[in-house]
Amino acid sequence: MRNELLSTAEMAEADRLAIAAGPLDGYGLMQRAGEAVATLVLARHPSAKRAHVLCGPGNNGGDGYVV
């Protein structure tokens, strides 16, 4: 799996295409992203009791809230 950073416009387009393809809506995508991040954090830090989630400007706040 390649890791690459997307611009704001590219990420918005990726979200739009994913929603159009279904079956998830925007909230479903946020839930899936949050679950993936939480799973990774817990796998790397199994004894952690807390995590701080920092979100930048734009529409990332919802993704962070789900975590």
PDB file of N, CA and C in Angstrom:
ATOM      1  N   MET A   1       0.839  -1.178   0.000  1.00  0.00           N
ATOM      2  CA  MET A   1       0.000   0.000   0.000  1.00  0.00           C
ATOM      3  C   MET A   1       0.884   1.241   0.000  1.00  0.00           C
ATOM      4  N   ARG A   2       0.624   2.146  -0.912  1.00  0.00           N
ATOM      5  CA  ARG A   2       1.375   3.396  -0.976  1.00  0.00           C
ATOM      6  C   ARG A   2       0.791   4.406  -0.012  1.00  0.00           C
ATOM      7  N   ASN A   3       1.653   5.152   0.612  1.00  0.00           N
ATOM      8  CA  ASN A   3       1.226   6.268   1.456  1.00  0.00           C
ATOM      9  C   ASN A   3       1.570   7.549   0.730  1.00  0.00           C
ATOM     10  N   GLU A   4       0.578   8.380   0.515  1.00  0.00           N
ATOM     11  CA  GLU A   4       0.843   9.670  -0.095  1.00  0.00           C
ATOM     12  C   GLU A   4      -0.092  10.704   0.510  1.00  0.00           C
ATOM     13  N   LEU A   5       0.355  11.924   0.500  1.00  0.00           N
ATOM     14  CA  LEU A   5      -0.458  13.016   1.011  1.00  0.00           C
ATOM     15  C   LEU A   5      -1.265  13.613  -0.124  1.00  0.00           C
ATOM     16  N   LEU A   6      -2.509  13.906   0.167  1.00  0.00           N
ATOM     17  CA  LEU A   6      -3.379  14.530  -0.821  1.00  0.00           C
ATOM     18  C   LEU A   6      -3.590  15.988  -0.459  1.00  0.00           C
ATOM     19  N   SER A   7      -3.752  16.806  -1.471  1.00  0.00           N
ATOM     20  CA  SER A   7      -4.100  18.203  -1.219  1.00  0.00           C
ATOM     21  C   SER A   7      -5.548  18.251  -0.731  1.00  0.00           C
ATOM     22  N   THR A   8      -5.956  19.394  -0.250  1.00  0.00           N
ATOM     23  CA  THR A   8      -7.340  19.559   0.203  1.00  0.00           C
ATOM     24  C   THR A   8      -8.312  19.252  -0.927  1.00  0.00           C
ATOM     25  N   ALA A   9      -8.027  19.767  -2.108  1.00  0.00           N
ATOM     26  CA  ALA A   9      -8.904  19.538  -3.260  1.00  0.00           C
ATOM     27  C   ALA A   9      -8.933  18.061  -3.651  1.00  0.00           C
ATOM     28  N   GLU A  10      -7.775  17.412  -3.616  1.00  0.00           N
ATOM     29  CA  GLU A  10      -7.714  15.988  -3.962  1.00  0.00           C
ATOM     30  C   GLU A  10      -8.486  15.137  -2.953  1.00  0.00           C
ATOM     31  N   MET A  11      -8.385  15.477  -1.672  1.00  0.00           N
ATOM     32  CA  MET A  11      -9.107  14.715  -0.653  1.00  0.00           C
ATOM     33  C   MET A  11     -10.601  14.933  -0.780  1.00  0.00           C
ATOM     34  N   ALA A  12     -11.012  16.155  -1.063  1.00  0.00           N
ATOM     35  CA  ALA A  12     -12.437  16.434  -1.259  1.00  0.00           C
ATOM     36  C   ALA A  12     -12.972  15.624  -2.440  1.00  0.00           C
ATOM     37  N   GLU A  13     -12.195  15.533  -3.501  1.00  0.00           N
ATOM     38  CA  GLU A  13     -12.604  14.749  -4.669  1.00  0.00           C
ATOM     39  C   GLU A  13     -12.642  13.259  -4.334  1.00  0.00           C
ATOM     40  N   ALA A  14     -11.671  12.777  -3.579  1.00  0.00           N
ATOM     41  CA  ALA A  14     -11.666  11.367  -3.168  1.00  0.00           C
ATOM     42  C   ALA A  14     -12.899  11.058  -2.320  1.00  0.00           C
ATOM     43  N   ASP A  15     -13.237  11.944  -1.398  1.00  0.00           N
ATOM     44  CA  ASP A  15     -14.447  11.763  -0.583  1.00  0.00           C
ATOM     45  C   ASP A  15     -15.693  11.750  -1.467  1.00  0.00           C
ATOM     46  N   ARG A  16     -15.765  12.693  -2.389  1.00  0.00           N
ATOM     47  CA  ARG A  16     -16.932  12.788  -3.268  1.00  0.00           C
ATOM     48  C   ARG A  16     -17.102  11.509  -4.078  1.00  0.00           C
ATOM     49  N   LEU A  17     -16.001  11.002  -4.630  1.00  0.00           N
ATOM     50  CA  LEU A  17     -16.062   9.782  -5.433  1.00  0.00           C
ATOM     51  C   LEU A  17     -16.450   8.570  -4.584  1.00  0.00           C
ATOM     52  N   ALA A  18     -15.904   8.491  -3.373  1.00  0.00           N
ATOM     53  CA  ALA A  18     -16.233   7.369  -2.487  1.00  0.00           C
ATOM     54  C   ALA A  18     -17.706   7.388  -2.104  1.00  0.00           C
ATOM     55  N   ILE A  19     -18.233   8.567  -1.818  1.00  0.00           N
ATOM     56  CA  ILE A  19     -19.651   8.688  -1.456  1.00  0.00           C
ATOM     57  C   ILE A  19     -20.528   8.337  -2.655  1.00  0.00           C
ATOM     58  N   ALA A  20     -20.142   8.810  -3.838  1.00  0.00           N
ATOM     59  CA  ALA A  20     -20.920   8.518  -5.045  1.00  0.00           C
ATOM     60  C   ALA A  20     -20.927   7.022  -5.359  1.00  0.00           C
ATOM     61  N   ALA A  21     -19.814   6.345  -5.077  1.00  0.00           N
ATOM     62  CA  ALA A  21     -19.711   4.913  -5.355  1.00  0.00           C
ATOM     63  C   ALA A  21     -20.510   4.090  -4.347  1.00  0.00           C
ATOM     64  N   GLY A  22     -20.750   4.671  -3.147  1.00  0.00           N
ATOM     65  CA  GLY A  22     -21.521   3.991  -2.119  1.00  0.00           C
ATOM     66  C   GLY A  22     -20.773   2.810  -1.534  1.00  0.00           C
ATOM     67  N   PRO A  23     -21.284   2.142  -0.560  1.00  0.00           N
ATOM     68  CA  PRO A  23     -22.580   2.362   0.066  1.00  0.00           C
ATOM     69  C   PRO A  23     -22.538   3.370   1.214  1.00  0.00           C
ATOM     70  N   LEU A  24     -21.360   3.911   1.535  1.00  0.00           N
ATOM     71  CA  LEU A  24     -21.238   4.800   2.687  1.00  0.00           C
ATOM     72  C   LEU A  24     -21.513   6.248   2.312  1.00  0.00           C
ATOM     73  N   ASP A  25     -22.111   6.975   3.254  1.00  0.00           N
ATOM     74  CA  ASP A  25     -22.246   8.418   3.096  1.00  0.00           C
ATOM     75  C   ASP A  25     -21.063   9.085   3.796  1.00  0.00           C
ATOM     76  N   GLY A  26     -21.067  10.403   3.862  1.00  0.00           N
ATOM     77  CA  GLY A  26     -19.953  11.117   4.480  1.00  0.00           C
ATOM     78  C   GLY A  26     -19.731  10.722   5.930  1.00  0.00           C
ATOM     79  N   TYR A  27     -20.816  10.556   6.677  1.00  0.00           N
ATOM     80  CA  TYR A  27     -20.679  10.159   8.081  1.00  0.00           C
ATOM     81  C   TYR A  27     -20.109   8.745   8.184  1.00  0.00           C
ATOM     82  N   GLY A  28     -20.534   7.863   7.308  1.00  0.00           N
ATOM     83  CA  GLY A  28     -19.999   6.502   7.302  1.00  0.00           C
ATOM     84  C   GLY A  28     -18.506   6.482   7.009  1.00  0.00           C
ATOM     85  N   LEU A  29     -18.070   7.358   6.092  1.00  0.00           N
ATOM     86  CA  LEU A  29     -16.635   7.456   5.805  1.00  0.00           C
ATOM     87  C   LEU A  29     -15.873   7.942   7.034  1.00  0.00           C
ATOM     88  N   MET A  30     -16.445   8.931   7.735  1.00  0.00           N
ATOM     89  CA  MET A  30     -15.796   9.429   8.956  1.00  0.00           C
ATOM     90  C   MET A  30     -15.696   8.326   9.999  1.00  0.00           C
ATOM     91  N   GLN A  31     -16.760   7.552  10.164  1.00  0.00           N
ATOM     92  CA  GLN A  31     -16.730   6.462  11.138  1.00  0.00           C
ATOM     93  C   GLN A  31     -15.653   5.443  10.782  1.00  0.00           C
ATOM     94  N   ARG A  32     -15.577   5.091   9.516  1.00  0.00           N
ATOM     95  CA  ARG A  32     -14.584   4.108   9.084  1.00  0.00           C
ATOM     96  C   ARG A  32     -13.164   4.637   9.290  1.00  0.00           C
ATOM     97  N   ALA A  33     -12.939   5.908   8.970  1.00  0.00           N
ATOM     98  CA  ALA A  33     -11.615   6.503   9.167  1.00  0.00           C
ATOM     99  C   ALA A  33     -11.256   6.542  10.648  1.00  0.00           C
ATOM    100  N   GLY A  34     -12.206   6.947  11.476  1.00  0.00           N
ATOM    101  CA  GLY A  34     -11.959   7.005  12.913  1.00  0.00           C
ATOM    102  C   GLY A  34     -11.661   5.641  13.500  1.00  0.00           C
ATOM    103  N   GLU A  35     -12.393   4.635  13.060  1.00  0.00           N
ATOM    104  CA  GLU A  35     -12.156   3.272  13.546  1.00  0.00           C
ATOM    105  C   GLU A  35     -10.770   2.778  13.142  1.00  0.00           C
ATOM    106  N   ALA A  36     -10.364   3.086  11.912  1.00  0.00           N
ATOM    107  CA  ALA A  36      -9.042   2.662  11.444  1.00  0.00           C
ATOM    108  C   ALA A  36      -7.935   3.330  12.253  1.00  0.00           C
ATOM    109  N   VAL A  37      -8.089   4.614  12.536  1.00  0.00           N
ATOM    110  CA  VAL A  37      -7.078   5.328  13.325  1.00  0.00           C
ATOM    111  C   VAL A  37      -7.033   4.779  14.747  1.00  0.00           C
ATOM    112  N   ALA A  38      -8.193   4.595  15.361  1.00  0.00           N
ATOM    113  CA  ALA A  38      -8.233   4.074  16.730  1.00  0.00           C
ATOM    114  C   ALA A  38      -7.612   2.681  16.806  1.00  0.00           C
ATOM    115  N   THR A  39      -7.894   1.840  15.830  1.00  0.00           N
ATOM    116  CA  THR A  39      -7.320   0.492  15.798  1.00  0.00           C
ATOM    117  C   THR A  39      -5.802   0.549  15.703  1.00  0.00           C
ATOM    118  N   LEU A  40      -5.291   1.411  14.847  1.00  0.00           N
ATOM    119  CA  LEU A  40      -3.843   1.551  14.689  1.00  0.00           C
ATOM    120  C   LEU A  40      -3.188   2.083  15.960  1.00  0.00           C
ATOM    121  N   VAL A  41      -3.783   3.100  16.560  1.00  0.00           N
ATOM    122  CA  VAL A  41      -3.225   3.673  17.790  1.00  0.00           C
ATOM    123  C   VAL A  41      -3.192   2.624  18.897  1.00  0.00           C
ATOM    124  N   LEU A  42      -4.284   1.882  19.058  1.00  0.00           N
ATOM    125  CA  LEU A  42      -4.325   0.852  20.102  1.00  0.00           C
ATOM    126  C   LEU A  42      -3.341  -0.279  19.829  1.00  0.00           C
ATOM    127  N   ALA A  43      -3.131  -0.611  18.558  1.00  0.00           N
ATOM    128  CA  ALA A  43      -2.164  -1.658  18.217  1.00  0.00           C
ATOM    129  C   ALA A  43      -0.739  -1.215  18.547  1.00  0.00           C
ATOM    130  N   ARG A  44      -0.449   0.052  18.318  1.00  0.00           N
ATOM    131  CA  ARG A  44       0.905   0.562  18.574  1.00  0.00           C
ATOM    132  C   ARG A  44       1.136   0.912  20.038  1.00  0.00           C
ATOM    133  N   HIS A  45       0.062   1.239  20.746  1.00  0.00           N
ATOM    134  CA  HIS A  45       0.166   1.664  22.144  1.00  0.00           C
ATOM    135  C   HIS A  45      -0.924   0.969  22.967  1.00  0.00           C
ATOM    136  N   PRO A  46      -0.814  -0.352  23.145  1.00  0.00           N
ATOM    137  CA  PRO A  46      -1.897  -1.106  23.783  1.00  0.00           C
ATOM    138  C   PRO A  46      -2.186  -0.722  25.230  1.00  0.00           C
ATOM    139  N   SER A  47      -1.236  -0.142  25.920  1.00  0.00           N
ATOM    140  CA  SER A  47      -1.487   0.214  27.321  1.00  0.00           C
ATOM    141  C   SER A  47      -1.933   1.667  27.492  1.00  0.00           C
ATOM    142  N   ALA A  48      -2.103   2.376  26.396  1.00  0.00           N
ATOM    143  CA  ALA A  48      -2.504   3.784  26.470  1.00  0.00           C
ATOM    144  C   ALA A  48      -3.902   3.915  27.068  1.00  0.00           C
ATOM    145  N   LYS A  49      -4.057   4.894  27.916  1.00  0.00           N
ATOM    146  CA  LYS A  49      -5.354   5.174  28.531  1.00  0.00           C
ATOM    147  C   LYS A  49      -6.043   6.365  27.870  1.00  0.00           C
ATOM    148  N   ARG A  50      -5.250   7.240  27.244  1.00  0.00           N
ATOM    149  CA  ARG A  50      -5.774   8.441  26.598  1.00  0.00           C
ATOM    150  C   ARG A  50      -5.016   8.698  25.307  1.00  0.00           C
ATOM    151  N   ALA A  51      -5.657   9.460  24.456  1.00  0.00           N
ATOM    152  CA  ALA A  51      -5.001   9.915  23.226  1.00  0.00           C
ATOM    153  C   ALA A  51      -5.458  11.338  22.951  1.00  0.00           C
ATOM    154  N   HIS A  52      -4.566  12.135  22.452  1.00  0.00           N
ATOM    155  CA  HIS A  52      -4.906  13.497  22.040  1.00  0.00           C
ATOM    156  C   HIS A  52      -5.025  13.503  20.524  1.00  0.00           C
ATOM    157  N   VAL A  53      -6.109  14.040  20.033  1.00  0.00           N
ATOM    158  CA  VAL A  53      -6.344  14.110  18.593  1.00  0.00           C
ATOM    159  C   VAL A  53      -6.316  15.575  18.191  1.00  0.00           C
ATOM    160  N   LEU A  54      -5.402  15.911  17.297  1.00  0.00           N
ATOM    161  CA  LEU A  54      -5.273  17.282  16.806  1.00  0.00           C
ATOM    162  C   LEU A  54      -5.743  17.321  15.364  1.00  0.00           C
ATOM    163  N   CYS A  55      -6.627  18.244  15.067  1.00  0.00           N
ATOM    164  CA  CYS A  55      -7.168  18.367  13.712  1.00  0.00           C
ATOM    165  C   CYS A  55      -6.870  19.753  13.178  1.00  0.00           C
ATOM    166  N   GLY A  56      -6.492  19.793  11.927  1.00  0.00           N
ATOM    167  CA  GLY A  56      -6.219  21.067  11.284  1.00  0.00           C
ATOM    168  C   GLY A  56      -7.502  21.734  10.829  1.00  0.00           C
ATOM    169  N   PRO A  57      -7.357  22.853  10.163  1.00  0.00           N
ATOM    170  CA  PRO A  57      -8.538  23.567   9.676  1.00  0.00           C
ATOM    171  C   PRO A  57      -9.209  22.793   8.537  1.00  0.00           C
ATOM    172  N   GLY A  58     -10.425  23.120   8.295  1.00  0.00           N
ATOM    173  CA  GLY A  58     -11.162  22.457   7.219  1.00  0.00           C
ATOM    174  C   GLY A  58     -12.135  21.448   7.787  1.00  0.00           C
ATOM    175  N   ASN A  59     -12.414  20.433   7.024  1.00  0.00           N
ATOM    176  CA  ASN A  59     -13.416  19.447   7.417  1.00  0.00           C
ATOM    177  C   ASN A  59     -12.835  18.254   8.164  1.00  0.00           C
ATOM    178  N   ASN A  60     -11.639  18.371   8.687  1.00  0.00           N
ATOM    179  CA  ASN A  60     -11.020  17.255   9.396  1.00  0.00           C
ATOM    180  C   ASN A  60     -11.529  17.095  10.816  1.00  0.00           C
ATOM    181  N   GLY A  61     -12.183  18.085  11.346  1.00  0.00           N
ATOM    182  CA  GLY A  61     -12.649  18.022  12.723  1.00  0.00           C
ATOM    183  C   GLY A  61     -13.568  16.848  12.982  1.00  0.00           C
ATOM    184  N   GLY A  62     -14.442  16.548  12.045  1.00  0.00           N
ATOM    185  CA  GLY A  62     -15.358  15.420  12.211  1.00  0.00           C
ATOM    186  C   GLY A  62     -14.619  14.104  12.296  1.00  0.00           C
ATOM    187  N   ASP A  63     -13.590  13.933  11.482  1.00  0.00           N
ATOM    188  CA  ASP A  63     -12.793  12.707  11.528  1.00  0.00           C
ATOM    189  C   ASP A  63     -12.127  12.561  12.887  1.00  0.00           C
ATOM    190  N   GLY A  64     -11.582  13.639  13.402  1.00  0.00           N
ATOM    191  CA  GLY A  64     -10.942  13.599  14.712  1.00  0.00           C
ATOM    192  C   GLY A  64     -11.932  13.328  15.821  1.00  0.00           C
ATOM    193  N   TYR A  65     -13.121  13.880  15.708  1.00  0.00           N
ATOM    194  CA  TYR A  65     -14.148  13.670  16.725  1.00  0.00           C
ATOM    195  C   TYR A  65     -14.536  12.196  16.804  1.00  0.00           C
ATOM    196  N   VAL A  66     -14.610  11.531  15.680  1.00  0.00           N
ATOM    197  CA  VAL A  66     -14.986  10.117  15.646  1.00  0.00           C
ATOM    198  C   VAL A  66     -13.953   9.258  16.364  1.00  0.00           C
ATOM    199  N   VAL A  67     -12.674   9.638  16.266  1.00  0.00           N
ATOM    200  CA  VAL A  67     -11.617   8.868  16.927  1.00  0.00           C
ATOM    201  C   VAL A  67     -11.860   8.905  18.414  1.00  0.00           C
TER     202      VAL A  67
END
